[in-house]
Amino acid sequence: MKKKKKYKYLKQVGEDHLRKLKPNPHFKNNQQVCFPAQSHLHLMFLIEDLIKVSVMALNGIERGGDRPLKEPERSISEILKHALDLLPLEEAEFIDKTMALLSEESSTNTEH
């Protein structure tokens, strides 16, 4: 595959698969995570669940610390669901395709 064609292919594959990190418009050379949230309130509940799970981890789920937490299983479940949303599966597919192209290029260069 010619270099221009490979570049065009990688650019298209990147656009199709690189979805979790986007350039931060306010800070040069920084990325930001794109995270699904239904609303600002939904985001606040997610942050609340994250804090609750952290408190449970520090205090032990059974004890609950000074302020027992309501529905700890729900909080843990919500955090795990959102952790799944953060997994960069599309990016991994892009990396696999890039590595295959690089391997192909490497083997082509060593044959000459």
Protein backbone atom coordinates (compact mmCIF):
# COMPACT_ATOMS: atom_id res chain seq x y z
CA MET A 1 0.00 0.00 0.00
CA LYS A 2 1.41 3.40 -0.93
CA LYS A 3 2.20 5.89 1.83
CA LYS A 4 -0.52 8.40 0.84
CA LYS A 5 -3.10 5.63 0.73
CA LYS A 6 -1.95 4.27 4.12
CA TYR A 7 -2.09 7.74 5.64
CA LYS A 8 -5.61 8.31 4.28
CA TYR A 9 -6.67 4.88 5.55
CA LEU A 10 -5.23 5.48 9.04
CA LYS A 11 -6.81 8.93 9.21
CA GLN A 12 -10.23 7.46 8.34
CA VAL A 13 -9.83 4.56 10.76
CA GLY A 14 -8.76 7.03 13.45
CA GLU A 15 -11.82 9.16 12.86
CA ASP A 16 -13.99 6.05 13.09
CA HIS A 17 -12.41 4.62 16.24
CA LEU A 18 -10.72 7.33 18.36
CA ARG A 19 -13.69 8.48 20.39
CA LYS A 20 -12.76 8.66 24.08
CA LEU A 21 -10.16 11.43 23.96
CA LYS A 22 -10.76 14.68 22.12
CA PRO A 23 -8.50 17.75 21.88
CA ASN A 24 -9.17 20.15 24.72
CA PRO A 25 -10.12 23.50 23.16
CA HIS A 26 -8.91 25.43 26.22
CA PHE A 27 -5.51 23.84 26.80
CA LYS A 28 -3.02 23.26 24.02
CA ASN A 29 -1.48 19.75 23.87
CA ASN A 30 -4.13 18.36 26.24
CA GLN A 31 -6.93 15.91 25.69
CA GLN A 32 -10.27 15.59 27.40
CA VAL A 33 -12.36 12.50 28.04
CA CYS A 34 -15.72 12.32 26.34
CA PHE A 35 -18.08 10.70 28.80
CA PRO A 36 -21.76 9.89 28.28
CA ALA A 37 -24.11 11.65 30.71
CA GLN A 38 -27.83 12.16 30.30
CA SER A 39 -27.83 15.52 32.08
CA HIS A 40 -25.98 17.63 34.60
CA LEU A 41 -28.02 15.99 37.36
CA HIS A 42 -27.06 12.53 36.05
CA LEU A 43 -23.41 13.60 36.15
CA MET A 44 -23.82 14.81 39.76
CA PHE A 45 -25.33 11.44 40.74
CA LEU A 46 -22.40 9.68 39.07
CA ILE A 47 -19.91 11.80 41.03
CA GLU A 48 -21.90 11.14 44.19
CA ASP A 49 -21.76 7.37 43.53
CA LEU A 50 -18.02 7.59 42.93
CA ILE A 51 -17.54 9.33 46.28
CA LYS A 52 -19.80 6.81 48.03
CA VAL A 53 -17.88 3.87 46.60
CA SER A 54 -14.62 5.49 47.68
CA VAL A 55 -15.98 5.97 51.22
CA MET A 56 -17.10 2.33 51.28
CA ALA A 57 -13.65 1.23 50.13
CA LEU A 58 -11.98 3.24 52.87
CA ASN A 59 -14.38 2.26 55.65
CA GLY A 60 -15.44 -1.20 54.62
CA ILE A 61 -18.89 -1.81 53.12
CA GLU A 62 -20.27 -3.49 56.24
CA ARG A 63 -19.33 -0.73 58.70
CA GLY A 64 -20.36 2.17 56.47
CA GLY A 65 -18.36 4.63 58.55
CA ASP A 66 -19.96 7.45 60.54
CA ARG A 67 -22.72 7.90 57.98
CA PRO A 68 -24.10 4.58 56.73
CA LEU A 69 -24.68 4.76 53.00
CA LYS A 70 -28.03 3.94 51.47
CA GLU A 71 -28.05 1.36 48.69
CA PRO A 72 -24.30 0.68 48.50
CA GLU A 73 -24.83 -2.10 45.93
CA ARG A 74 -26.56 0.35 43.57
CA SER A 75 -23.71 2.84 43.90
CA ILE A 76 -21.14 0.16 43.14
CA SER A 77 -23.19 -1.08 40.19
CA GLU A 78 -23.47 2.44 38.73
CA ILE A 79 -19.72 3.04 39.06
CA LEU A 80 -18.92 -0.24 37.33
CA LYS A 81 -21.32 0.56 34.48
CA HIS A 82 -19.62 3.90 33.94
CA ALA A 83 -16.19 2.32 34.16
CA LEU A 84 -17.26 0.14 31.23
CA ASP A 85 -18.17 3.30 29.31
CA LEU A 86 -14.61 4.54 29.82
CA LEU A 87 -12.96 1.46 28.30
CA PRO A 88 -11.42 2.59 25.01
CA LEU A 89 -12.55 -0.38 22.91
CA GLU A 90 -12.78 1.60 19.66
CA GLU A 91 -9.30 2.97 20.25
CA ALA A 92 -7.97 -0.55 20.78
CA GLU A 93 -9.36 -1.55 17.38
CA PHE A 94 -7.56 1.42 15.82
CA ILE A 95 -4.32 0.38 17.52
CA ASP A 96 -4.70 -3.18 16.23
CA LYS A 97 -5.24 -1.95 12.66
CA THR A 98 -2.30 0.45 12.95
CA MET A 99 -0.05 -2.30 14.28
CA ALA A 100 -1.07 -4.57 11.40
CA LEU A 101 -0.17 -1.85 8.90
CA LEU A 102 3.15 -1.18 10.62
CA SER A 103 3.91 -4.90 10.64
CA GLU A 104 3.06 -5.10 6.95
CA GLU A 105 5.29 -2.07 6.25
CA SER A 106 8.11 -3.56 8.34
CA SER A 107 8.00 -6.90 6.51
CA THR A 108 7.88 -5.10 3.13
CA ASN A 109 10.96 -3.03 4.07
CA THR A 110 12.95 -6.06 5.26
CA GLU A 111 12.24 -7.99 2.06
CA HIS A 112 13.93 -5.30 -0.07
